[in-house]
Amino acid sequence: MTVWDRPEPPTQPVPLDRERIVAAAVALADEGGLEAVSLRKVAARLDAGPMRLYRYISTKEELFDLMVDEVQAEILPEEQPGDWREALRVLAHRTRQTALRHPWLADLLGGRPSLGPNGLAVTEATLAALDGLADVDTVMRAVETVSSYFIGAIRREIANLRAERATGMSKRDWQRAHGPHVTRMLATGRYPALAKAVHDGTHVDAEESFATGLEWVLDAVAARLGRPPA
């Protein structure tokens, strides 16, 4: 029986339920990442005995499942856009925004599907955007392609933000600190393509980079959807 199917025990002294447990766990993760979350720490935040939590949640993995489902409610738009591109675009950007508010989410994206009500609703909205535009296998591959792009881009962005916090150096500070080494290496002439990218490339921020890459992926999906079956 999954955590979604198992009923909660009756309320006891020190009011407790899964909603309060998950809210406390999300707050801990927002403050210190997933490593800051344990049933013992959640119990302490709720001023409850750790063993009481096991009546509601059996494992840390179940707690993580509940946490992911909780924040996936933030991904769902209030209204489903009518155009499939806009629908997928909105879902991708809202996923990124949710991960920036809850950076630990990046560590749990891309694995097995989320089976909670909000996770299933996100999956339904994603598939519904393409429903009827192609056969189901093509739709599935299109969804996988788009989600693989934005999950990878989100993880890279979160990794960079974590590096900034861990080192106390912004991206620009890091570039300045490592600039002399990079300049010496490029001067050897062994990396001409990299030198061109460094000297001639246009700097864009993470949001613009994410949006541009997403549009390219959507263009590729549009081309595939418009192609007649082989």
Protein backbone atom coordinates (compact mmCIF):
# COMPACT_ATOMS: atom_id res chain seq x y z
CA MET A 1 0.00 0.00 0.00
CA THR A 2 1.45 3.37 -1.00
CA VAL A 3 1.48 6.44 1.19
CA TRP A 4 -1.27 7.83 -1.03
CA ASP A 5 -3.57 4.90 -0.26
CA ARG A 6 -2.81 4.42 3.43
CA PRO A 7 -5.25 6.23 5.74
CA GLU A 8 -3.96 8.54 8.43
CA PRO A 9 -4.26 7.51 12.07
CA PRO A 10 -6.71 9.36 14.29
CA THR A 11 -5.62 12.68 15.82
CA GLN A 12 -3.86 12.40 19.17
CA PRO A 13 -2.52 14.94 21.71
CA VAL A 14 -0.24 17.49 19.96
CA PRO A 15 -2.27 17.80 16.76
CA LEU A 16 -0.48 16.06 13.91
CA ASP A 17 -1.32 15.11 10.36
CA ARG A 18 0.51 14.54 7.10
CA GLU A 19 -0.15 18.09 5.97
CA ARG A 20 1.69 19.55 8.97
CA ILE A 21 4.48 16.97 8.68
CA VAL A 22 5.04 17.73 5.01
CA ALA A 23 4.93 21.50 5.56
CA ALA A 24 7.62 21.18 8.24
CA ALA A 25 9.74 18.97 5.99
CA VAL A 26 9.48 21.40 3.08
CA ALA A 27 10.51 24.27 5.35
CA LEU A 28 13.55 22.32 6.55
CA ALA A 29 14.53 21.45 2.98
CA ASP A 30 14.11 25.05 1.85
CA GLU A 31 16.46 26.12 4.62
CA GLY A 32 19.13 23.44 4.36
CA GLY A 33 18.48 21.08 1.45
CA LEU A 34 17.39 17.46 1.56
CA GLU A 35 20.24 16.59 3.93
CA ALA A 36 18.50 18.77 6.53
CA VAL A 37 15.39 16.57 6.41
CA SER A 38 14.89 13.56 8.64
CA LEU A 39 11.89 12.26 10.52
CA ARG A 40 13.68 13.12 13.77
CA LYS A 41 14.24 16.74 12.69
CA VAL A 42 10.70 17.09 11.41
CA ALA A 43 9.38 15.73 14.71
CA ALA A 44 11.52 18.21 16.64
CA ARG A 45 10.17 21.11 14.60
CA LEU A 46 6.63 19.95 15.35
CA ASP A 47 7.43 19.33 19.02
CA ALA A 48 6.33 15.73 18.65
CA GLY A 49 7.97 12.42 19.41
CA PRO A 50 9.80 10.91 16.39
CA MET A 51 7.98 7.59 16.72
CA ARG A 52 4.65 9.33 16.25
CA LEU A 53 5.65 10.32 12.71
CA TYR A 54 6.04 6.68 11.74
CA ARG A 55 2.32 6.26 12.20
CA TYR A 56 1.84 8.69 9.31
CA ILE A 57 4.95 8.08 7.15
CA SER A 58 6.93 4.85 7.02
CA THR A 59 10.19 5.98 5.39
CA LYS A 60 12.13 9.06 4.40
CA GLU A 61 11.44 8.15 0.76
CA GLU A 62 7.71 8.43 1.43
CA LEU A 63 8.30 11.81 3.02
CA PHE A 64 10.23 12.95 -0.06
CA ASP A 65 7.38 11.74 -2.28
CA LEU A 66 4.93 13.82 -0.26
CA MET A 67 7.23 16.86 -0.35
CA VAL A 68 7.58 16.69 -4.12
CA ASP A 69 3.84 16.40 -4.55
CA GLU A 70 3.27 19.34 -2.22
CA VAL A 71 5.41 21.74 -4.26
CA GLN A 72 4.18 20.38 -7.60
CA ALA A 73 0.94 22.18 -6.82
CA GLU A 74 2.93 25.35 -7.60
CA ILE A 75 3.67 24.10 -11.13
CA LEU A 76 0.08 23.74 -12.27
CA PRO A 77 -1.26 26.86 -14.01
CA GLU A 78 -4.69 28.11 -13.06
CA GLU A 79 -5.88 27.64 -16.63
CA GLN A 80 -4.61 25.25 -19.30
CA PRO A 81 -3.40 27.24 -22.34
CA GLY A 82 -5.13 26.22 -25.55
CA ASP A 83 -1.97 26.02 -27.67
CA TRP A 84 0.27 23.01 -27.05
CA ARG A 85 3.49 25.04 -27.31
CA GLU A 86 2.27 27.59 -24.81
CA ALA A 87 1.06 24.83 -22.49
CA LEU A 88 4.45 23.09 -22.46
CA ARG A 89 6.25 26.44 -22.24
CA VAL A 90 4.22 27.45 -19.19
CA LEU A 91 4.77 24.10 -17.46
CA ALA A 92 8.52 24.26 -18.09
CA HIS A 93 8.88 27.81 -16.80
CA ARG A 94 6.69 27.12 -13.78
CA THR A 95 8.79 24.05 -12.99
CA ARG A 96 11.93 26.21 -13.10
CA GLN A 97 10.37 28.88 -10.90
CA THR A 98 9.25 26.25 -8.39
CA ALA A 99 12.75 24.73 -8.29
CA LEU A 100 14.27 28.17 -7.67
CA ARG A 101 11.95 28.59 -4.69
CA HIS A 102 12.67 25.03 -3.53
CA PRO A 103 16.18 24.15 -4.83
CA TRP A 104 16.04 20.65 -3.33
CA LEU A 105 13.36 19.80 -5.90
CA ALA A 106 16.06 19.66 -8.59
CA ASP A 107 17.53 16.60 -6.85
CA LEU A 108 14.22 14.72 -7.08
CA LEU A 109 13.19 15.61 -10.63
CA GLY A 110 13.55 13.13 -13.45
CA GLY A 111 13.30 9.85 -11.57
CA ARG A 112 10.26 7.66 -11.23
CA PRO A 113 6.95 9.42 -11.87
CA SER A 114 5.32 11.24 -8.98
CA LEU A 115 2.09 9.42 -8.12
CA GLY A 116 0.55 11.96 -5.77
CA PRO A 117 -2.49 13.99 -6.85
CA ASN A 118 -0.48 17.05 -7.87
CA GLY A 119 2.16 15.00 -9.67
CA LEU A 120 -0.50 13.13 -11.60
CA ALA A 121 -2.20 16.43 -12.44
CA VAL A 122 1.08 17.84 -13.82
CA THR A 123 1.54 14.71 -15.94
CA GLU A 124 -2.06 14.91 -17.14
CA ALA A 125 -1.66 18.58 -18.10
CA THR A 126 1.55 17.79 -19.98
CA LEU A 127 0.06 14.90 -21.95
CA ALA A 128 -3.22 16.73 -22.53
CA ALA A 129 -1.33 19.55 -24.25
CA LEU A 130 -0.35 17.15 -27.05
CA ASP A 131 -3.35 14.85 -27.00
CA GLY A 132 -4.72 14.23 -30.47
CA LEU A 133 -1.78 15.83 -32.30
CA ALA A 134 -0.02 12.52 -32.94
CA ASP A 135 -0.09 8.87 -31.94
CA VAL A 136 0.48 8.16 -28.26
CA ASP A 137 4.07 6.94 -28.71
CA THR A 138 5.04 10.15 -30.52
CA VAL A 139 3.38 12.19 -27.78
CA MET A 140 5.28 10.27 -25.10
CA ARG A 141 8.63 10.81 -26.86
CA ALA A 142 7.84 14.52 -27.29
CA VAL A 143 7.03 14.88 -23.59
CA GLU A 144 10.21 13.02 -22.63
CA THR A 145 12.29 15.24 -24.91
CA VAL A 146 10.92 18.50 -23.53
CA SER A 147 11.12 17.37 -19.90
CA SER A 148 14.67 16.06 -20.36
CA TYR A 149 15.70 19.50 -21.59
CA PHE A 150 14.18 21.56 -18.82
CA ILE A 151 15.11 19.16 -16.02
CA GLY A 152 18.74 19.21 -17.17
CA ALA A 153 18.74 22.99 -17.51
CA ILE A 154 17.18 23.42 -14.06
CA ARG A 155 19.70 21.09 -12.43
CA ARG A 156 22.60 22.98 -14.04
CA GLU A 157 21.23 26.32 -12.86
CA ILE A 158 20.66 25.05 -9.32
CA ALA A 159 24.18 23.55 -9.27
CA ASN A 160 25.62 26.94 -10.17
CA LEU A 161 23.58 28.67 -7.47
CA ARG A 162 24.77 26.13 -4.91
CA ALA A 163 28.38 26.69 -5.97
CA GLU A 164 27.90 30.43 -5.44
CA ARG A 165 26.57 29.86 -1.94
CA ALA A 166 29.23 27.29 -1.06
CA THR A 167 32.17 29.42 -2.25
CA GLY A 168 30.79 32.88 -1.59
CA MET A 169 31.80 33.79 -5.15
CA SER A 170 29.37 34.97 -7.79
CA LYS A 171 29.73 33.71 -11.35
CA ARG A 172 31.51 36.94 -12.29
CA ASP A 173 33.84 36.68 -9.27
CA TRP A 174 34.64 33.07 -10.21
CA GLN A 175 35.37 34.08 -13.81
CA ARG A 176 37.68 36.88 -12.68
CA ALA A 177 39.53 34.56 -10.29
CA HIS A 178 40.08 31.94 -13.00
CA GLY A 179 40.55 34.38 -15.86
CA PRO A 180 44.37 34.36 -15.88
CA HIS A 181 44.50 30.56 -16.10
CA VAL A 182 41.92 30.46 -18.91
CA THR A 183 43.76 33.20 -20.79
CA ARG A 184 47.04 31.30 -20.61
CA MET A 185 45.43 28.07 -21.79
CA LEU A 186 43.64 29.74 -24.72
CA ALA A 187 46.88 31.46 -25.74
CA THR A 188 48.42 28.05 -26.47
CA GLY A 189 46.21 27.76 -29.54
CA ARG A 190 45.08 24.27 -28.60
CA TYR A 191 41.46 25.31 -28.00
CA PRO A 192 40.38 27.49 -30.95
CA ALA A 193 36.65 26.71 -30.73
CA LEU A 194 36.64 27.45 -27.00
CA ALA A 195 38.61 30.66 -27.55
CA LYS A 196 36.04 31.83 -30.09
CA ALA A 197 33.21 31.08 -27.66
CA VAL A 198 34.95 32.93 -24.81
CA HIS A 199 35.93 36.00 -26.84
CA ASP A 200 33.00 36.35 -29.25
CA GLY A 201 30.07 34.72 -27.45
CA THR A 202 27.26 36.88 -26.08
CA HIS A 203 26.63 36.59 -22.35
CA VAL A 204 23.03 35.75 -21.44
CA ASP A 205 21.54 35.17 -18.01
CA ALA A 206 20.11 31.85 -16.86
CA GLU A 207 16.51 32.81 -17.59
CA GLU A 208 17.24 33.85 -21.18
CA SER A 209 19.36 30.76 -21.78
CA PHE A 210 16.56 28.54 -20.43
CA ALA A 211 13.91 30.23 -22.57
CA THR A 212 16.00 30.08 -25.75
CA GLY A 213 16.86 26.41 -25.35
CA LEU A 214 13.25 25.58 -24.60
CA GLU A 215 12.07 27.27 -27.79
CA TRP A 216 14.60 25.29 -29.84
CA VAL A 217 13.35 22.05 -28.32
CA LEU A 218 9.74 23.02 -28.97
CA ASP A 219 10.70 23.81 -32.58
CA ALA A 220 12.09 20.30 -32.91
CA VAL A 221 8.92 18.79 -31.44
CA ALA A 222 6.79 20.90 -33.79
CA ALA A 223 8.79 19.61 -36.77
CA ARG A 224 8.26 16.03 -35.67
CA LEU A 225 4.54 16.52 -35.05
CA GLY A 226 4.18 18.01 -38.52
CA ARG A 227 5.99 15.14 -40.22
CA PRO A 228 3.80 12.45 -41.84
CA PRO A 229 4.18 8.93 -40.42
CA ALA A 230 7.04 6.92 -41.90
